[in-house]
Amino acid sequence: MKRKRFSEEQIVRILNEATKGGKTILDLCRVHGITEQTFYRWRRRYEGMSIPEVQQYRSILIENSRLKKLVAERDLEIEAMKELVKKKW
């Protein structure tokens, strides 16, 4: 798995730096060592968020993935029980 170079907090700081308008986006990308495509992807995802909102967003994503795993496990258990009941009678 590819390791992330920037945390969400760092991404928000870079985006805020771009909105202040001191540098062009191309110069900003060069300084931070990212591509323009990455910058625009980050802007689409994190634009308008503050650092606390990003932390809350991350915790919600973690909780959501945990809940999806639980639902998938329950579905597997239900399917196994249905198969067991069919074979037993």
N, C-alpha and C. Protein backbone atom coordinates (compact mmCIF):
# COMPACT_ATOMS: atom_id res chain seq x y z
N MET A 1 0.84 -1.18 0.00
CA MET A 1 0.00 0.00 0.00
C MET A 1 0.88 1.23 0.00
N LYS A 2 0.50 2.19 -0.80
CA LYS A 2 1.28 3.41 -0.93
C LYS A 2 1.11 4.28 0.31
N ARG A 3 2.21 4.79 0.80
CA ARG A 3 2.19 5.63 1.99
C ARG A 3 1.84 7.05 1.59
N LYS A 4 1.00 7.70 2.37
CA LYS A 4 0.63 9.08 2.10
C LYS A 4 1.77 10.00 2.54
N ARG A 5 2.05 10.98 1.72
CA ARG A 5 3.09 11.93 2.05
C ARG A 5 2.57 13.08 2.88
N PHE A 6 1.31 13.41 2.71
CA PHE A 6 0.74 14.56 3.38
C PHE A 6 -0.47 14.12 4.21
N SER A 7 -0.57 14.66 5.42
CA SER A 7 -1.76 14.39 6.23
C SER A 7 -2.88 15.32 5.77
N GLU A 8 -4.07 15.06 6.22
CA GLU A 8 -5.19 15.89 5.84
C GLU A 8 -5.01 17.32 6.32
N GLU A 9 -4.41 17.49 7.49
CA GLU A 9 -4.17 18.82 8.02
C GLU A 9 -3.20 19.59 7.13
N GLN A 10 -2.16 18.91 6.66
CA GLN A 10 -1.21 19.56 5.76
C GLN A 10 -1.87 19.93 4.44
N ILE A 11 -2.75 19.07 3.95
CA ILE A 11 -3.46 19.34 2.70
C ILE A 11 -4.32 20.59 2.85
N VAL A 12 -5.02 20.72 3.97
CA VAL A 12 -5.87 21.89 4.20
C VAL A 12 -5.01 23.15 4.26
N ARG A 13 -3.85 23.07 4.90
CA ARG A 13 -2.96 24.23 4.96
C ARG A 13 -2.49 24.63 3.56
N ILE A 14 -2.16 23.65 2.73
CA ILE A 14 -1.73 23.95 1.35
C ILE A 14 -2.87 24.61 0.57
N LEU A 15 -4.08 24.09 0.73
CA LEU A 15 -5.22 24.68 0.03
C LEU A 15 -5.52 26.09 0.51
N ASN A 16 -5.37 26.32 1.82
CA ASN A 16 -5.57 27.66 2.36
C ASN A 16 -4.52 28.62 1.83
N GLU A 17 -3.31 28.13 1.68
CA GLU A 17 -2.24 28.94 1.11
C GLU A 17 -2.57 29.35 -0.32
N ALA A 18 -3.20 28.45 -1.06
CA ALA A 18 -3.58 28.75 -2.44
C ALA A 18 -4.71 29.77 -2.50
N THR A 19 -5.63 29.71 -1.55
CA THR A 19 -6.76 30.66 -1.58
C THR A 19 -6.32 32.06 -1.18
N LYS A 20 -5.24 32.18 -0.44
CA LYS A 20 -4.75 33.52 -0.07
C LYS A 20 -4.24 34.27 -1.29
N GLY A 21 -3.82 33.54 -2.32
CA GLY A 21 -3.48 34.16 -3.58
C GLY A 21 -2.07 34.71 -3.68
N GLY A 22 -1.17 34.34 -2.80
CA GLY A 22 0.19 34.83 -2.86
C GLY A 22 0.97 34.27 -4.03
N LYS A 23 0.71 33.02 -4.38
CA LYS A 23 1.44 32.35 -5.46
C LYS A 23 0.44 31.72 -6.43
N THR A 24 0.93 31.42 -7.60
CA THR A 24 0.08 30.70 -8.55
C THR A 24 0.01 29.23 -8.11
N ILE A 25 -0.96 28.54 -8.63
CA ILE A 25 -1.14 27.13 -8.27
C ILE A 25 0.04 26.31 -8.74
N LEU A 26 0.55 26.63 -9.91
CA LEU A 26 1.70 25.91 -10.44
C LEU A 26 2.93 26.08 -9.55
N ASP A 27 3.18 27.32 -9.09
CA ASP A 27 4.30 27.56 -8.17
C ASP A 27 4.10 26.85 -6.85
N LEU A 28 2.89 26.88 -6.35
CA LEU A 28 2.57 26.22 -5.08
C LEU A 28 2.80 24.71 -5.19
N CYS A 29 2.40 24.14 -6.32
CA CYS A 29 2.60 22.70 -6.53
C CYS A 29 4.09 22.37 -6.58
N ARG A 30 4.86 23.22 -7.24
CA ARG A 30 6.30 23.00 -7.32
C ARG A 30 6.95 23.05 -5.95
N VAL A 31 6.56 24.02 -5.14
CA VAL A 31 7.14 24.19 -3.80
C VAL A 31 6.88 22.96 -2.94
N HIS A 32 5.66 22.44 -3.00
CA HIS A 32 5.27 21.31 -2.15
C HIS A 32 5.54 19.95 -2.79
N GLY A 33 5.96 19.93 -4.03
CA GLY A 33 6.31 18.67 -4.69
C GLY A 33 5.12 17.82 -5.04
N ILE A 34 4.04 18.46 -5.50
CA ILE A 34 2.85 17.72 -5.92
C ILE A 34 2.51 18.10 -7.35
N THR A 35 1.67 17.31 -7.98
CA THR A 35 1.23 17.63 -9.33
C THR A 35 -0.02 18.50 -9.26
N GLU A 36 -0.32 19.15 -10.37
CA GLU A 36 -1.53 19.97 -10.42
C GLU A 36 -2.78 19.10 -10.27
N GLN A 37 -2.72 17.90 -10.84
CA GLN A 37 -3.86 16.99 -10.73
C GLN A 37 -4.13 16.65 -9.26
N THR A 38 -3.07 16.41 -8.50
CA THR A 38 -3.23 16.13 -7.07
C THR A 38 -3.83 17.32 -6.37
N PHE A 39 -3.35 18.51 -6.69
CA PHE A 39 -3.88 19.72 -6.06
C PHE A 39 -5.37 19.85 -6.31
N TYR A 40 -5.78 19.69 -7.57
CA TYR A 40 -7.20 19.84 -7.89
C TYR A 40 -8.03 18.72 -7.28
N ARG A 41 -7.50 17.53 -7.15
CA ARG A 41 -8.22 16.43 -6.48
C ARG A 41 -8.41 16.76 -5.01
N TRP A 42 -7.35 17.28 -4.38
CA TRP A 42 -7.46 17.70 -2.98
C TRP A 42 -8.48 18.81 -2.83
N ARG A 43 -8.46 19.78 -3.74
CA ARG A 43 -9.37 20.91 -3.65
C ARG A 43 -10.82 20.45 -3.78
N ARG A 44 -11.06 19.47 -4.68
CA ARG A 44 -12.41 18.95 -4.84
C ARG A 44 -12.89 18.27 -3.56
N ARG A 45 -11.98 17.60 -2.86
CA ARG A 45 -12.36 16.84 -1.67
C ARG A 45 -12.39 17.70 -0.40
N TYR A 46 -11.42 18.59 -0.21
CA TYR A 46 -11.26 19.29 1.06
C TYR A 46 -11.54 20.78 1.01
N GLU A 47 -11.98 21.32 -0.11
CA GLU A 47 -12.17 22.76 -0.21
C GLU A 47 -13.22 23.25 0.78
N GLY A 48 -12.90 24.30 1.47
CA GLY A 48 -13.82 24.90 2.42
C GLY A 48 -13.82 24.26 3.80
N MET A 49 -12.99 23.25 4.01
CA MET A 49 -12.94 22.59 5.31
C MET A 49 -11.85 23.22 6.18
N SER A 50 -12.12 23.23 7.47
CA SER A 50 -11.09 23.64 8.41
C SER A 50 -10.45 22.36 8.98
N ILE A 51 -9.39 22.54 9.74
CA ILE A 51 -8.67 21.38 10.28
C ILE A 51 -9.55 20.52 11.19
N PRO A 52 -10.34 21.12 12.10
CA PRO A 52 -11.23 20.27 12.92
C PRO A 52 -12.26 19.50 12.09
N GLU A 53 -12.76 20.13 11.03
CA GLU A 53 -13.72 19.45 10.17
C GLU A 53 -13.09 18.27 9.45
N VAL A 54 -11.83 18.42 9.06
CA VAL A 54 -11.12 17.33 8.39
C VAL A 54 -10.89 16.17 9.36
N GLN A 55 -10.57 16.49 10.60
CA GLN A 55 -10.39 15.43 11.60
C GLN A 55 -11.69 14.70 11.85
N GLN A 56 -12.79 15.43 11.89
CA GLN A 56 -14.10 14.81 12.07
C GLN A 56 -14.46 13.96 10.85
N TYR A 57 -14.15 14.45 9.65
CA TYR A 57 -14.39 13.73 8.42
C TYR A 57 -13.63 12.40 8.42
N ARG A 58 -12.37 12.44 8.85
CA ARG A 58 -11.55 11.22 8.90
C ARG A 58 -12.16 10.21 9.89
N SER A 59 -12.59 10.69 11.05
CA SER A 59 -13.17 9.76 12.03
C SER A 59 -14.48 9.17 11.52
N ILE A 60 -15.25 9.95 10.79
CA ILE A 60 -16.50 9.44 10.22
C ILE A 60 -16.20 8.36 9.17
N LEU A 61 -15.18 8.58 8.34
CA LEU A 61 -14.81 7.57 7.35
C LEU A 61 -14.36 6.27 8.00
N ILE A 62 -13.60 6.37 9.08
CA ILE A 62 -13.15 5.17 9.79
C ILE A 62 -14.34 4.42 10.38
N GLU A 63 -15.25 5.17 11.00
CA GLU A 63 -16.45 4.55 11.59
C GLU A 63 -17.31 3.91 10.51
N ASN A 64 -17.43 4.57 9.38
CA ASN A 64 -18.23 4.05 8.27
C ASN A 64 -17.65 2.74 7.75
N SER A 65 -16.34 2.67 7.60
CA SER A 65 -15.73 1.42 7.11
C SER A 65 -15.90 0.30 8.13
N ARG A 66 -15.82 0.62 9.41
CA ARG A 66 -16.02 -0.39 10.46
C ARG A 66 -17.45 -0.93 10.40
N LEU A 67 -18.42 -0.03 10.23
CA LEU A 67 -19.81 -0.46 10.16
C LEU A 67 -20.09 -1.30 8.92
N LYS A 68 -19.46 -0.95 7.79
CA LYS A 68 -19.64 -1.74 6.58
C LYS A 68 -19.11 -3.16 6.77
N LYS A 69 -17.99 -3.29 7.47
CA LYS A 69 -17.43 -4.61 7.74
C LYS A 69 -18.38 -5.42 8.62
N LEU A 70 -18.96 -4.77 9.63
CA LEU A 70 -19.91 -5.46 10.50
C LEU A 70 -21.13 -5.96 9.72
N VAL A 71 -21.65 -5.13 8.83
CA VAL A 71 -22.81 -5.51 8.04
C VAL A 71 -22.46 -6.67 7.12
N ALA A 72 -21.28 -6.63 6.53
CA ALA A 72 -20.86 -7.72 5.64
C ALA A 72 -20.73 -9.03 6.41
N GLU A 73 -20.16 -8.97 7.61
CA GLU A 73 -20.04 -10.18 8.44
C GLU A 73 -21.42 -10.73 8.81
N ARG A 74 -22.35 -9.85 9.16
CA ARG A 74 -23.70 -10.28 9.51
C ARG A 74 -24.39 -10.93 8.31
N ASP A 75 -24.21 -10.35 7.14
CA ASP A 75 -24.81 -10.93 5.95
C ASP A 75 -24.26 -12.33 5.69
N LEU A 76 -22.97 -12.51 5.87
CA LEU A 76 -22.37 -13.84 5.70
C LEU A 76 -22.93 -14.83 6.72
N GLU A 77 -23.09 -14.39 7.95
CA GLU A 77 -23.66 -15.27 8.98
C GLU A 77 -25.09 -15.65 8.64
N ILE A 78 -25.86 -14.71 8.16
CA ILE A 78 -27.26 -14.98 7.80
C ILE A 78 -27.32 -15.97 6.65
N GLU A 79 -26.49 -15.78 5.64
CA GLU A 79 -26.46 -16.71 4.51
C GLU A 79 -26.04 -18.11 4.96
N ALA A 80 -25.08 -18.19 5.86
CA ALA A 80 -24.65 -19.49 6.36
C ALA A 80 -25.76 -20.18 7.13
N MET A 81 -26.49 -19.43 7.93
CA MET A 81 -27.62 -19.99 8.68
C MET A 81 -28.72 -20.48 7.72
N LYS A 82 -28.98 -19.74 6.68
CA LYS A 82 -30.00 -20.15 5.71
C LYS A 82 -29.59 -21.46 5.04
N GLU A 83 -28.33 -21.58 4.66
CA GLU A 83 -27.84 -22.81 4.05
C GLU A 83 -27.92 -23.98 5.01
N LEU A 84 -27.61 -23.73 6.27
CA LEU A 84 -27.66 -24.77 7.28
C LEU A 84 -29.09 -25.26 7.48
N VAL A 85 -30.03 -24.33 7.52
CA VAL A 85 -31.43 -24.70 7.72
C VAL A 85 -31.95 -25.49 6.51
N LYS A 86 -31.56 -25.11 5.31
CA LYS A 86 -31.99 -25.83 4.10
C LYS A 86 -31.50 -27.27 4.10
N LYS A 87 -30.28 -27.48 4.49
CA LYS A 87 -29.69 -28.82 4.46
C LYS A 87 -30.20 -29.69 5.60
N LYS A 88 -30.50 -29.08 6.73
CA LYS A 88 -30.90 -29.86 7.89
C LYS A 88 -32.30 -30.46 7.73
N TRP A 89 -33.22 -29.79 7.12
CA TRP A 89 -34.60 -30.28 7.01
C TRP A 89 -34.82 -30.75 5.65
